[in-house]
Amino acid sequence: MKNGRRRLTSKRARNSQGDEALLRGYCFFVIARKITK
């Protein structure tokens, strides 16, 4: 159980970091698009 939990937490941590990167990229894209307009 402990090993499974550690694996789940590590996966969640990696997913959260990926989501933050996607959100930052999306925000940057939106801001750049607004500036171009």
PDB file of N, CA and C in Angstrom:
ATOM      1  N   MET A   1       0.846  -1.212   0.000  1.00  0.00           N
ATOM      2  CA  MET A   1       0.000   0.000   0.000  1.00  0.00           C
ATOM      3  C   MET A   1       0.883   1.265   0.000  1.00  0.00           C
ATOM      4  N   LYS A   2       1.911   1.269   0.842  1.00  0.00           N
ATOM      5  CA  LYS A   2       2.773   2.465   0.925  1.00  0.00           C
ATOM      6  C   LYS A   2       3.426   2.748  -0.432  1.00  0.00           C
ATOM      7  N   ASN A   3       3.950   1.700  -1.069  1.00  0.00           N
ATOM      8  CA  ASN A   3       4.591   1.901  -2.373  1.00  0.00           C
ATOM      9  C   ASN A   3       3.581   2.441  -3.382  1.00  0.00           C
ATOM     10  N   GLY A   4       2.364   1.867  -3.394  1.00  0.00           N
ATOM     11  CA  GLY A   4       1.322   2.329  -4.319  1.00  0.00           C
ATOM     12  C   GLY A   4       1.002   3.788  -4.065  1.00  0.00           C
ATOM     13  N   ARG A   5       0.904   4.166  -2.799  1.00  0.00           N
ATOM     14  CA  ARG A   5       0.570   5.554  -2.482  1.00  0.00           C
ATOM     15  C   ARG A   5       1.680   6.475  -2.958  1.00  0.00           C
ATOM     16  N   ARG A   6       2.929   6.052  -2.746  1.00  0.00           N
ATOM     17  CA  ARG A   6       4.056   6.896  -3.175  1.00  0.00           C
ATOM     18  C   ARG A   6       4.025   7.073  -4.684  1.00  0.00           C
ATOM     19  N   ARG A   7       3.722   5.991  -5.399  1.00  0.00           N
ATOM     20  CA  ARG A   7       3.675   6.092  -6.866  1.00  0.00           C
ATOM     21  C   ARG A   7       2.561   7.038  -7.292  1.00  0.00           C
ATOM     22  N   LEU A   8       1.394   6.957  -6.628  1.00  0.00           N
ATOM     23  CA  LEU A   8       0.272   7.835  -6.983  1.00  0.00           C
ATOM     24  C   LEU A   8       0.639   9.293  -6.709  1.00  0.00           C
ATOM     25  N   THR A   9       1.255   9.545  -5.555  1.00  0.00           N
ATOM     26  CA  THR A   9       1.615  10.920  -5.208  1.00  0.00           C
ATOM     27  C   THR A   9       2.635  11.453  -6.212  1.00  0.00           C
ATOM     28  N   SER A  10       3.613  10.630  -6.610  1.00  0.00           N
ATOM     29  CA  SER A  10       4.624  11.079  -7.564  1.00  0.00           C
ATOM     30  C   SER A  10       3.955  11.398  -8.896  1.00  0.00           C
ATOM     31  N   LYS A  11       3.011  10.543  -9.317  1.00  0.00           N
ATOM     32  CA  LYS A  11       2.298  10.798 -10.575  1.00  0.00           C
ATOM     33  C   LYS A  11       1.492  12.081 -10.462  1.00  0.00           C
ATOM     34  N   ARG A  12       0.836  12.284  -9.335  1.00  0.00           N
ATOM     35  CA  ARG A  12       0.034  13.497  -9.152  1.00  0.00           C
ATOM     36  C   ARG A  12       0.936  14.719  -9.188  1.00  0.00           C
ATOM     37  N   ALA A  13       2.094  14.645  -8.540  1.00  0.00           N
ATOM     38  CA  ALA A  13       3.027  15.775  -8.516  1.00  0.00           C
ATOM     39  C   ALA A  13       3.472  16.094  -9.939  1.00  0.00           C
ATOM     40  N   ARG A  14       3.816  15.054 -10.716  1.00  0.00           N
ATOM     41  CA  ARG A  14       4.257  15.290 -12.098  1.00  0.00           C
ATOM     42  C   ARG A  14       3.118  15.893 -12.906  1.00  0.00           C
ATOM     43  N   ASN A  15       1.901  15.399 -12.716  1.00  0.00           N
ATOM     44  CA  ASN A  15       0.747  15.914 -13.449  1.00  0.00           C
ATOM     45  C   ASN A  15       0.503  17.375 -13.082  1.00  0.00           C
ATOM     46  N   SER A  16       0.612  17.704 -11.799  1.00  0.00           N
ATOM     47  CA  SER A  16       0.367  19.083 -11.363  1.00  0.00           C
ATOM     48  C   SER A  16       1.391  20.009 -12.012  1.00  0.00           C
ATOM     49  N   GLN A  17       2.664  19.580 -12.062  1.00  0.00           N
ATOM     50  CA  GLN A  17       3.701  20.414 -12.683  1.00  0.00           C
ATOM     51  C   GLN A  17       3.386  20.601 -14.161  1.00  0.00           C
ATOM     52  N   GLY A  18       2.939  19.547 -14.844  1.00  0.00           N
ATOM     53  CA  GLY A  18       2.609  19.634 -16.267  1.00  0.00           C
ATOM     54  C   GLY A  18       1.446  20.583 -16.472  1.00  0.00           C
ATOM     55  N   ASP A  19       0.445  20.500 -15.589  1.00  0.00           N
ATOM     56  CA  ASP A  19      -0.725  21.381 -15.712  1.00  0.00           C
ATOM     57  C   ASP A  19      -0.299  22.841 -15.548  1.00  0.00           C
ATOM     58  N   GLU A  20       0.588  23.105 -14.585  1.00  0.00           N
ATOM     59  CA  GLU A  20       1.038  24.480 -14.365  1.00  0.00           C
ATOM     60  C   GLU A  20       1.767  24.993 -15.602  1.00  0.00           C
ATOM     61  N   ALA A  21       2.598  24.138 -16.207  1.00  0.00           N
ATOM     62  CA  ALA A  21       3.332  24.537 -17.410  1.00  0.00           C
ATOM     63  C   ALA A  21       2.350  24.852 -18.531  1.00  0.00           C
ATOM     64  N   LEU A  22       1.322  24.005 -18.679  1.00  0.00           N
ATOM     65  CA  LEU A  22       0.322  24.228 -19.741  1.00  0.00           C
ATOM     66  C   LEU A  22      -0.422  25.537 -19.486  1.00  0.00           C
ATOM     67  N   LEU A  23      -0.787  25.783 -18.218  1.00  0.00           N
ATOM     68  CA  LEU A  23      -1.529  27.014 -17.893  1.00  0.00           C
ATOM     69  C   LEU A  23      -0.668  28.242 -18.187  1.00  0.00           C
ATOM     70  N   ARG A  24       0.618  28.173 -17.821  1.00  0.00           N
ATOM     71  CA  ARG A  24       1.515  29.313 -18.071  1.00  0.00           C
ATOM     72  C   ARG A  24       1.646  29.540 -19.572  1.00  0.00           C
ATOM     73  N   GLY A  25       1.818  28.450 -20.332  1.00  0.00           N
ATOM     74  CA  GLY A  25       1.944  28.573 -21.786  1.00  0.00           C
ATOM     75  C   GLY A  25       0.674  29.156 -22.393  1.00  0.00           C
ATOM     76  N   TYR A  26      -0.475  28.696 -21.915  1.00  0.00           N
ATOM     77  CA  TYR A  26      -1.768  29.177 -22.429  1.00  0.00           C
ATOM     78  C   TYR A  26      -1.932  30.666 -22.116  1.00  0.00           C
ATOM     79  N   CYS A  27      -1.614  31.064 -20.891  1.00  0.00           N
ATOM     80  CA  CYS A  27      -1.741  32.477 -20.500  1.00  0.00           C
ATOM     81  C   CYS A  27      -0.819  33.327 -21.369  1.00  0.00           C
ATOM     82  N   PHE A  28       0.418  32.859 -21.576  1.00  0.00           N
ATOM     83  CA  PHE A  28       1.377  33.601 -22.402  1.00  0.00           C
ATOM     84  C   PHE A  28       0.846  33.740 -23.820  1.00  0.00           C
ATOM     85  N   PHE A  29       0.251  32.670 -24.351  1.00  0.00           N
ATOM     86  CA  PHE A  29      -0.311  32.696 -25.707  1.00  0.00           C
ATOM     87  C   PHE A  29      -1.452  33.706 -25.796  1.00  0.00           C
ATOM     88  N   VAL A  30      -2.322  33.712 -24.783  1.00  0.00           N
ATOM     89  CA  VAL A  30      -3.460  34.646 -24.780  1.00  0.00           C
ATOM     90  C   VAL A  30      -2.963  36.084 -24.719  1.00  0.00           C
ATOM     91  N   ILE A  31      -1.976  36.344 -23.852  1.00  0.00           N
ATOM     92  CA  ILE A  31      -1.447  37.715 -23.712  1.00  0.00           C
ATOM     93  C   ILE A  31      -0.806  38.154 -25.027  1.00  0.00           C
ATOM     94  N   ALA A  32      -0.017  37.269 -25.632  1.00  0.00           N
ATOM     95  CA  ALA A  32       0.636  37.598 -26.904  1.00  0.00           C
ATOM     96  C   ALA A  32      -0.422  37.874 -27.971  1.00  0.00           C
ATOM     97  N   ARG A  33      -1.471  37.098 -27.974  1.00  0.00           N
ATOM     98  CA  ARG A  33      -2.545  37.280 -28.955  1.00  0.00           C
ATOM     99  C   ARG A  33      -3.223  38.644 -28.751  1.00  0.00           C
ATOM    100  N   LYS A  34      -3.423  39.021 -27.495  1.00  0.00           N
ATOM    101  CA  LYS A  34      -4.051  40.320 -27.213  1.00  0.00           C
ATOM    102  C   LYS A  34      -3.144  41.452 -27.677  1.00  0.00           C
ATOM    103  N   ILE A  35      -1.827  41.297 -27.456  1.00  0.00           N
ATOM    104  CA  ILE A  35      -0.875  42.352 -27.852  1.00  0.00           C
ATOM    105  C   ILE A  35      -0.886  42.494 -29.380  1.00  0.00           C
ATOM    106  N   THR A  36      -0.913  41.361 -30.089  1.00  0.00           N
ATOM    107  CA  THR A  36      -0.900  41.411 -31.555  1.00  0.00           C
ATOM    108  C   THR A  36      -2.150  42.130 -32.052  1.00  0.00           C
ATOM    109  N   LYS A  37      -3.272  41.924 -31.377  1.00  0.00           N
ATOM    110  CA  LYS A  37      -4.510  42.582 -31.784  1.00  0.00           C
ATOM    111  C   LYS A  37      -4.435  44.065 -31.415  1.00  0.00           C
TER     112      LYS A  37
END
